[in-house]
PDB file of N, CA and C in Angstrom:
ATOM      1  N   MET A   1       0.841  -1.177   0.000  1.00  0.00           N
ATOM      2  CA  MET A   1       0.000   0.000   0.000  1.00  0.00           C
ATOM      3  C   MET A   1       0.884   1.237   0.000  1.00  0.00           C
ATOM      4  N   LYS A   2       1.107   1.769  -1.132  1.00  0.00           N
ATOM      5  CA  LYS A   2       1.948   2.954  -1.221  1.00  0.00           C
ATOM      6  C   LYS A   2       1.159   4.085  -1.833  1.00  0.00           C
ATOM      7  N   ARG A   3       1.471   5.281  -1.401  1.00  0.00           N
ATOM      8  CA  ARG A   3       0.803   6.456  -1.913  1.00  0.00           C
ATOM      9  C   ARG A   3       1.870   7.473  -2.291  1.00  0.00           C
ATOM     10  N   ARG A   4       1.651   8.147  -3.370  1.00  0.00           N
ATOM     11  CA  ARG A   4       2.582   9.192  -3.779  1.00  0.00           C
ATOM     12  C   ARG A   4       1.793  10.483  -3.945  1.00  0.00           C
ATOM     13  N   GLY A   5       2.254  11.513  -3.305  1.00  0.00           N
ATOM     14  CA  GLY A   5       1.601  12.812  -3.392  1.00  0.00           C
ATOM     15  C   GLY A   5       2.517  13.824  -4.034  1.00  0.00           C
ATOM     16  N   HIS A   6       2.017  14.987  -4.300  1.00  0.00           N
ATOM     17  CA  HIS A   6       2.782  16.048  -4.930  1.00  0.00           C
ATOM     18  C   HIS A   6       3.953  16.448  -4.031  1.00  0.00           C
ATOM     19  N   GLY A   7       5.169  16.278  -4.542  1.00  0.00           N
ATOM     20  CA  GLY A   7       6.356  16.680  -3.809  1.00  0.00           C
ATOM     21  C   GLY A   7       6.666  15.811  -2.590  1.00  0.00           C
ATOM     22  N   MET A   8       6.054  14.652  -2.492  1.00  0.00           N
ATOM     23  CA  MET A   8       6.280  13.793  -1.335  1.00  0.00           C
ATOM     24  C   MET A   8       6.967  12.505  -1.764  1.00  0.00           C
ATOM     25  N   LYS A   9       7.771  11.954  -0.868  1.00  0.00           N
ATOM     26  CA  LYS A   9       8.323  10.629  -1.093  1.00  0.00           C
ATOM     27  C   LYS A   9       7.195   9.623  -0.942  1.00  0.00           C
ATOM     28  N   GLU A  10       7.439   8.401  -1.371  1.00  0.00           N
ATOM     29  CA  GLU A  10       6.423   7.361  -1.223  1.00  0.00           C
ATOM     30  C   GLU A  10       6.123   7.109   0.247  1.00  0.00           C
ATOM     31  N   ILE A  11       4.862   6.971   0.546  1.00  0.00           N
ATOM     32  CA  ILE A  11       4.420   6.616   1.891  1.00  0.00           C
ATOM     33  C   ILE A  11       4.041   5.146   1.855  1.00  0.00           C
ATOM     34  N   ASN A  12       4.616   4.367   2.728  1.00  0.00           N
ATOM     35  CA  ASN A  12       4.369   2.939   2.749  1.00  0.00           C
ATOM     36  C   ASN A  12       3.508   2.606   3.966  1.00  0.00           C
ATOM     37  N   LEU A  13       2.214   2.427   3.751  1.00  0.00           N
ATOM     38  CA  LEU A  13       1.281   2.140   4.836  1.00  0.00           C
ATOM     39  C   LEU A  13       1.645   0.837   5.533  1.00  0.00           C
ATOM     40  N   TYR A  14       2.049  -0.142   4.781  1.00  0.00           N
ATOM     41  CA  TYR A  14       2.476  -1.430   5.336  1.00  0.00           C
ATOM     42  C   TYR A  14       3.614  -1.219   6.342  1.00  0.00           C
ATOM     43  N   TYR A  15       4.596  -0.422   5.975  1.00  0.00           N
ATOM     44  CA  TYR A  15       5.747  -0.124   6.836  1.00  0.00           C
ATOM     45  C   TYR A  15       5.296   0.575   8.117  1.00  0.00           C
ATOM     46  N   ILE A  16       4.389   1.535   7.993  1.00  0.00           N
ATOM     47  CA  ILE A  16       3.891   2.278   9.147  1.00  0.00           C
ATOM     48  C   ILE A  16       3.111   1.355  10.087  1.00  0.00           C
ATOM     49  N   LEU A  17       2.229   0.529   9.524  1.00  0.00           N
ATOM     50  CA  LEU A  17       1.447  -0.392  10.352  1.00  0.00           C
ATOM     51  C   LEU A  17       2.348  -1.398  11.068  1.00  0.00           C
ATOM     52  N   LYS A  18       3.364  -1.915  10.376  1.00  0.00           N
ATOM     53  CA  LYS A  18       4.299  -2.833  11.017  1.00  0.00           C
ATOM     54  C   LYS A  18       4.989  -2.161  12.188  1.00  0.00           C
ATOM     55  N   LYS A  19       5.409  -0.917  12.006  1.00  0.00           N
ATOM     56  CA  LYS A  19       6.068  -0.171  13.081  1.00  0.00           C
ATOM     57  C   LYS A  19       5.097   0.056  14.238  1.00  0.00           C
ATOM     58  N   MET A  20       3.846   0.372  13.930  1.00  0.00           N
ATOM     59  CA  MET A  20       2.847   0.620  14.964  1.00  0.00           C
ATOM     60  C   MET A  20       2.659  -0.636  15.830  1.00  0.00           C
ATOM     61  N   PHE A  21       2.463  -1.786  15.193  1.00  0.00           N
ATOM     62  CA  PHE A  21       2.254  -3.008  15.960  1.00  0.00           C
ATOM     63  C   PHE A  21       3.511  -3.414  16.729  1.00  0.00           C
ATOM     64  N   LYS A  22       4.667  -3.218  16.140  1.00  0.00           N
ATOM     65  CA  LYS A  22       5.910  -3.526  16.845  1.00  0.00           C
ATOM     66  C   LYS A  22       6.040  -2.651  18.085  1.00  0.00           C
ATOM     67  N   THR A  23       5.737  -1.367  17.951  1.00  0.00           N
ATOM     68  CA  THR A  23       5.798  -0.454  19.085  1.00  0.00           C
ATOM     69  C   THR A  23       4.814  -0.877  20.172  1.00  0.00           C
ATOM     70  N   GLY A  24       3.670  -1.424  19.761  1.00  0.00           N
ATOM     71  CA  GLY A  24       2.668  -1.895  20.708  1.00  0.00           C
ATOM     72  C   GLY A  24       3.001  -3.235  21.331  1.00  0.00           C
ATOM     73  N   GLY A  25       4.077  -3.863  20.878  1.00  0.00           N
ATOM     74  CA  GLY A  25       4.505  -5.126  21.452  1.00  0.00           C
ATOM     75  C   GLY A  25       3.953  -6.355  20.745  1.00  0.00           C
ATOM     76  N   TYR A  26       3.494  -6.189  19.505  1.00  0.00           N
ATOM     77  CA  TYR A  26       2.920  -7.302  18.748  1.00  0.00           C
ATOM     78  C   TYR A  26       3.835  -7.693  17.603  1.00  0.00           C
ATOM     79  N   ARG A  27       3.799  -8.966  17.246  1.00  0.00           N
ATOM     80  CA  ARG A  27       4.512  -9.439  16.057  1.00  0.00           C
ATOM     81  C   ARG A  27       3.561  -9.318  14.876  1.00  0.00           C
ATOM     82  N   TRP A  28       4.049  -8.774  13.792  1.00  0.00           N
ATOM     83  CA  TRP A  28       3.230  -8.520  12.607  1.00  0.00           C
ATOM     84  C   TRP A  28       2.551  -9.783  12.100  1.00  0.00           C
ATOM     85  N   ASP A  29       3.250 -10.901  12.144  1.00  0.00           N
ATOM     86  CA  ASP A  29       2.703 -12.135  11.586  1.00  0.00           C
ATOM     87  C   ASP A  29       1.621 -12.769  12.476  1.00  0.00           C
ATOM     88  N   THR A  30       1.312 -12.155  13.611  1.00  0.00           N
ATOM     89  CA  THR A  30       0.251 -12.666  14.481  1.00  0.00           C
ATOM     90  C   THR A  30      -1.027 -11.823  14.406  1.00  0.00           C
ATOM     91  N   ILE A  31      -1.016 -10.734  13.636  1.00  0.00           N
ATOM     92  CA  ILE A  31      -2.163  -9.838  13.553  1.00  0.00           C
ATOM     93  C   ILE A  31      -3.207 -10.452  12.622  1.00  0.00           C
ATOM     94  N   ASN A  32      -4.441 -10.536  13.091  1.00  0.00           N
ATOM     95  CA  ASN A  32      -5.524 -11.106  12.298  1.00  0.00           C
ATOM     96  C   ASN A  32      -6.459  -9.986  11.833  1.00  0.00           C
ATOM     97  N   PHE A  33      -6.251  -9.533  10.606  1.00  0.00           N
ATOM     98  CA  PHE A  33      -7.060  -8.448  10.053  1.00  0.00           C
ATOM     99  C   PHE A  33      -8.409  -8.937   9.526  1.00  0.00           C
ATOM    100  N   THR A  34      -8.645 -10.238   9.539  1.00  0.00           N
ATOM    101  CA  THR A  34      -9.878 -10.777   8.959  1.00  0.00           C
ATOM    102  C   THR A  34     -11.036 -10.840   9.946  1.00  0.00           C
ATOM    103  N   ILE A  35     -10.758 -10.697  11.231  1.00  0.00           N
ATOM    104  CA  ILE A  35     -11.851 -10.763  12.205  1.00  0.00           C
ATOM    105  C   ILE A  35     -12.564  -9.416  12.292  1.00  0.00           C
ATOM    106  N   ASP A  36     -13.844  -9.457  12.615  1.00  0.00           N
ATOM    107  CA  ASP A  36     -14.600  -8.218  12.787  1.00  0.00           C
ATOM    108  C   ASP A  36     -13.978  -7.391  13.914  1.00  0.00           C
ATOM    109  N   ASN A  37     -13.949  -6.093  13.708  1.00  0.00           N
ATOM    110  CA  ASN A  37     -13.421  -5.164  14.711  1.00  0.00           C
ATOM    111  C   ASN A  37     -12.021  -5.572  15.192  1.00  0.00           C
ATOM    112  N   TRP A  38     -11.162  -5.917  14.248  1.00  0.00           N
ATOM    113  CA  TRP A  38      -9.827  -6.392  14.592  1.00  0.00           C
ATOM    114  C   TRP A  38      -9.071  -5.406  15.471  1.00  0.00           C
ATOM    115  N   TRP A  39      -9.278  -4.125  15.242  1.00  0.00           N
ATOM    116  CA  TRP A  39      -8.552  -3.080  15.967  1.00  0.00           C
ATOM    117  C   TRP A  39      -8.852  -3.111  17.464  1.00  0.00           C
ATOM    118  N   TYR A  40     -10.027  -3.608  17.848  1.00  0.00           N
ATOM    119  CA  TYR A  40     -10.407  -3.640  19.246  1.00  0.00           C
ATOM    120  C   TYR A  40      -9.607  -4.682  20.036  1.00  0.00           C
ATOM    121  N   HIS A  41      -9.039  -5.637  19.367  1.00  0.00           N
ATOM    122  CA  HIS A  41      -8.311  -6.725  20.015  1.00  0.00           C
ATOM    123  C   HIS A  41      -6.859  -6.383  20.308  1.00  0.00           C
ATOM    124  N   TYR A  42      -6.415  -5.207  19.890  1.00  0.00           N
ATOM    125  CA  TYR A  42      -5.021  -4.810  20.071  1.00  0.00           C
ATOM    126  C   TYR A  42      -4.966  -3.463  20.778  1.00  0.00           C
ATOM    127  N   ALA A  43      -4.110  -3.378  21.782  1.00  0.00           N
ATOM    128  CA  ALA A  43      -4.015  -2.149  22.569  1.00  0.00           C
ATOM    129  C   ALA A  43      -2.554  -1.851  22.872  1.00  0.00           C
ATOM    130  N   TRP A  44      -2.315  -0.618  23.264  1.00  0.00           N
ATOM    131  CA  TRP A  44      -0.996  -0.205  23.699  1.00  0.00           C
ATOM    132  C   TRP A  44      -1.127   0.789  24.825  1.00  0.00           C
ATOM    133  N   THR A  45      -0.027   1.049  25.496  1.00  0.00           N
ATOM    134  CA  THR A  45      -0.036   2.001  26.597  1.00  0.00           C
ATOM    135  C   THR A  45       0.115   3.415  26.040  1.00  0.00           C
ATOM    136  N   GLU A  46      -0.141   4.394  26.882  1.00  0.00           N
ATOM    137  CA  GLU A  46       0.046   5.789  26.469  1.00  0.00           C
ATOM    138  C   GLU A  46       1.506   6.045  26.104  1.00  0.00           C
ATOM    139  N   LYS A  47       2.424   5.426  26.846  1.00  0.00           N
ATOM    140  CA  LYS A  47       3.852   5.587  26.561  1.00  0.00           C
ATOM    141  C   LYS A  47       4.202   5.027  25.176  1.00  0.00           C
ATOM    142  N   GLN A  48       3.664   3.851  24.848  1.00  0.00           N
ATOM    143  CA  GLN A  48       3.914   3.263  23.529  1.00  0.00           C
ATOM    144  C   GLN A  48       3.306   4.126  22.424  1.00  0.00           C
ATOM    145  N   GLU A  49       2.116   4.649  22.666  1.00  0.00           N
ATOM    146  CA  GLU A  49       1.460   5.511  21.680  1.00  0.00           C
ATOM    147  C   GLU A  49       2.289   6.761  21.428  1.00  0.00           C
ATOM    148  N   LYS A  50       2.775   7.386  22.472  1.00  0.00           N
ATOM    149  CA  LYS A  50       3.593   8.605  22.328  1.00  0.00           C
ATOM    150  C   LYS A  50       4.884   8.309  21.565  1.00  0.00           C
ATOM    151  N   LYS A  51       5.494   7.153  21.849  1.00  0.00           N
ATOM    152  CA  LYS A  51       6.722   6.756  21.142  1.00  0.00           C
ATOM    153  C   LYS A  51       6.438   6.599  19.649  1.00  0.00           C
ATOM    154  N   PHE A  52       5.337   5.928  19.321  1.00  0.00           N
ATOM    155  CA  PHE A  52       4.985   5.734  17.915  1.00  0.00           C
ATOM    156  C   PHE A  52       4.675   7.064  17.233  1.00  0.00           C
ATOM    157  N   MET A  53       3.926   7.919  17.910  1.00  0.00           N
ATOM    158  CA  MET A  53       3.560   9.207  17.312  1.00  0.00           C
ATOM    159  C   MET A  53       4.802  10.051  17.036  1.00  0.00           C
ATOM    160  N   LYS A  54       5.757  10.024  17.938  1.00  0.00           N
ATOM    161  CA  LYS A  54       7.013  10.757  17.726  1.00  0.00           C
ATOM    162  C   LYS A  54       7.723  10.220  16.478  1.00  0.00           C
ATOM    163  N   TRP A  55       7.772   8.892  16.356  1.00  0.00           N
ATOM    164  CA  TRP A  55       8.393   8.275  15.180  1.00  0.00           C
ATOM    165  C   TRP A  55       7.629   8.637  13.910  1.00  0.00           C
ATOM    166  N   LEU A  56       6.292   8.566  13.961  1.00  0.00           N
ATOM    167  CA  LEU A  56       5.481   8.818  12.773  1.00  0.00           C
ATOM    168  C   LEU A  56       5.608  10.264  12.304  1.00  0.00           C
ATOM    169  N   ILE A  57       5.655  11.191  13.220  1.00  0.00           N
ATOM    170  CA  ILE A  57       5.836  12.600  12.838  1.00  0.00           C
ATOM    171  C   ILE A  57       7.180  12.766  12.118  1.00  0.00           C
ATOM    172  N   LYS A  58       8.223  12.160  12.646  1.00  0.00           N
ATOM    173  CA  LYS A  58       9.539  12.241  11.981  1.00  0.00           C
ATOM    174  C   LYS A  58       9.486  11.593  10.598  1.00  0.00           C
ATOM    175  N   TYR A  59       8.794  10.459  10.492  1.00  0.00           N
ATOM    176  CA  TYR A  59       8.654   9.777   9.207  1.00  0.00           C
ATOM    177  C   TYR A  59       7.929  10.672   8.203  1.00  0.00           C
ATOM    178  N   TYR A  60       6.866  11.316   8.649  1.00  0.00           N
ATOM    179  CA  TYR A  60       6.120  12.212   7.765  1.00  0.00           C
ATOM    180  C   TYR A  60       6.946  13.435   7.372  1.00  0.00           C
ATOM    181  N   ILE A  61       7.745  13.954   8.274  1.00  0.00           N
ATOM    182  CA  ILE A  61       8.619  15.089   7.937  1.00  0.00           C
ATOM    183  C   ILE A  61       9.577  14.679   6.822  1.00  0.00           C
ATOM    184  N   LYS A  62      10.197  13.503   6.977  1.00  0.00           N
ATOM    185  CA  LYS A  62      11.128  13.004   5.954  1.00  0.00           C
ATOM    186  C   LYS A  62      10.423  12.741   4.628  1.00  0.00           C
ATOM    187  N   SER A  63       9.126  12.432   4.689  1.00  0.00           N
ATOM    188  CA  SER A  63       8.349  12.140   3.484  1.00  0.00           C
ATOM    189  C   SER A  63       7.809  13.395   2.814  1.00  0.00           C
ATOM    190  N   GLY A  64       8.014  14.556   3.427  1.00  0.00           N
ATOM    191  CA  GLY A  64       7.613  15.810   2.808  1.00  0.00           C
ATOM    192  C   GLY A  64       6.200  16.263   3.107  1.00  0.00           C
ATOM    193  N   HIS A  65       5.596  15.734   4.155  1.00  0.00           N
ATOM    194  CA  HIS A  65       4.240  16.180   4.513  1.00  0.00           C
ATOM    195  C   HIS A  65       4.259  17.644   4.934  1.00  0.00           C
ATOM    196  N   ILE A  66       3.242  18.369   4.543  1.00  0.00           N
ATOM    197  CA  ILE A  66       3.138  19.783   4.890  1.00  0.00           C
ATOM    198  C   ILE A  66       2.800  19.956   6.362  1.00  0.00           C
ATOM    199  N   ASN A  67       1.939  19.102   6.898  1.00  0.00           N
ATOM    200  CA  ASN A  67       1.551  19.184   8.298  1.00  0.00           C
ATOM    201  C   ASN A  67       1.699  17.800   8.948  1.00  0.00           C
ATOM    202  N   PRO A  68       2.932  17.399   9.243  1.00  0.00           N
ATOM    203  CA  PRO A  68       3.164  16.042   9.728  1.00  0.00           C
ATOM    204  C   PRO A  68       2.487  15.727  11.054  1.00  0.00           C
ATOM    205  N   LYS A  69       2.393  16.691  11.957  1.00  0.00           N
ATOM    206  CA  LYS A  69       1.761  16.427  13.253  1.00  0.00           C
ATOM    207  C   LYS A  69       0.272  16.112  13.077  1.00  0.00           C
ATOM    208  N   MET A  70      -0.422  16.906  12.267  1.00  0.00           N
ATOM    209  CA  MET A  70      -1.841  16.671  12.037  1.00  0.00           C
ATOM    210  C   MET A  70      -2.050  15.356  11.282  1.00  0.00           C
ATOM    211  N   ASP A  71      -1.193  15.088  10.301  1.00  0.00           N
ATOM    212  CA  ASP A  71      -1.308  13.837   9.548  1.00  0.00           C
ATOM    213  C   ASP A  71      -1.095  12.632  10.454  1.00  0.00           C
ATOM    214  N   ALA A  72      -0.150  12.724  11.386  1.00  0.00           N
ATOM    215  CA  ALA A  72       0.087  11.636  12.327  1.00  0.00           C
ATOM    216  C   ALA A  72      -1.117  11.439  13.240  1.00  0.00           C
ATOM    217  N   GLN A  73      -1.720  12.526  13.681  1.00  0.00           N
ATOM    218  CA  GLN A  73      -2.908  12.429  14.528  1.00  0.00           C
ATOM    219  C   GLN A  73      -4.068  11.789  13.768  1.00  0.00           C
ATOM    220  N   MET A  74      -4.219  12.140  12.496  1.00  0.00           N
ATOM    221  CA  MET A  74      -5.286  11.551  11.680  1.00  0.00           C
ATOM    222  C   MET A  74      -5.034  10.059  11.455  1.00  0.00           C
ATOM    223  N   PHE A  75      -3.786   9.687  11.228  1.00  0.00           N
ATOM    224  CA  PHE A  75      -3.453   8.279  11.079  1.00  0.00           C
ATOM    225  C   PHE A  75      -3.806   7.518  12.348  1.00  0.00           C
ATOM    226  N   ASN A  76      -3.408   8.071  13.488  1.00  0.00           N
ATOM    227  CA  ASN A  76      -3.665   7.406  14.767  1.00  0.00           C
ATOM    228  C   ASN A  76      -5.163   7.298  15.039  1.00  0.00           C
ATOM    229  N   LEU A  77      -5.901   8.308  14.677  1.00  0.00           N
ATOM    230  CA  LEU A  77      -7.351   8.261  14.851  1.00  0.00           C
ATOM    231  C   LEU A  77      -7.969   7.174  13.978  1.00  0.00           C
ATOM    232  N   SER A  78      -7.481   7.033  12.761  1.00  0.00           N
ATOM    233  CA  SER A  78      -8.033   6.068  11.819  1.00  0.00           C
ATOM    234  C   SER A  78      -7.559   4.636  12.052  1.00  0.00           C
ATOM    235  N   TYR A  79      -6.283   4.470  12.374  1.00  0.00           N
ATOM    236  CA  TYR A  79      -5.681   3.140  12.424  1.00  0.00           C
ATOM    237  C   TYR A  79      -5.061   2.762  13.773  1.00  0.00           C
ATOM    238  N   GLY A  80      -4.921   3.730  14.666  1.00  0.00           N
ATOM    239  CA  GLY A  80      -4.204   3.489  15.910  1.00  0.00           C
ATOM    240  C   GLY A  80      -4.813   2.420  16.789  1.00  0.00           C
ATOM    241  N   LEU A  81      -3.992   1.857  17.633  1.00  0.00           N
ATOM    242  CA  LEU A  81      -4.441   0.842  18.568  1.00  0.00           C
ATOM    243  C   LEU A  81      -5.212   1.495  19.708  1.00  0.00           C
ATOM    244  N   ARG A  82      -5.981   0.678  20.394  1.00  0.00           N
ATOM    245  CA  ARG A  82      -6.745   1.144  21.547  1.00  0.00           C
ATOM    246  C   ARG A  82      -5.748   1.445  22.675  1.00  0.00           C
ATOM    247  N   THR A  83      -5.873   2.620  23.285  1.00  0.00           N
ATOM    248  CA  THR A  83      -4.956   3.026  24.346  1.00  0.00           C
ATOM    249  C   THR A  83      -5.510   2.629  25.706  1.00  0.00           C
ATOM    250  N   VAL A  84      -4.669   1.960  26.488  1.00  0.00           N
ATOM    251  CA  VAL A  84      -5.037   1.551  27.839  1.00  0.00           C
ATOM    252  C   VAL A  84      -4.054   2.172  28.829  1.00  0.00           C
ATOM    253  N   LYS A  85      -4.504   2.322  30.050  1.00  0.00           N
ATOM    254  CA  LYS A  85      -3.640   2.911  31.083  1.00  0.00           C
ATOM    255  C   LYS A  85      -2.854   1.848  31.792  1.00  0.00           C
TER     256      LYS A  85
END
């Protein structure tokens, strides 16, 4: 899953999702995307979420995003793991 935008390097959604699950403490090859509400079965701590968001913002900056912080927040809202305390 790659996307190319105006003046941006390729964005690899697969790479980002793998990093997200790794940061959450999951192995990529154990994620079951075929079950209903798959996202509800995976969670991370606030500390893990902050670590991933910091990485994602840097990744978006390197990829040429105009507003990397907002884009990272939108990604996390759409695809992020459930945050637990």
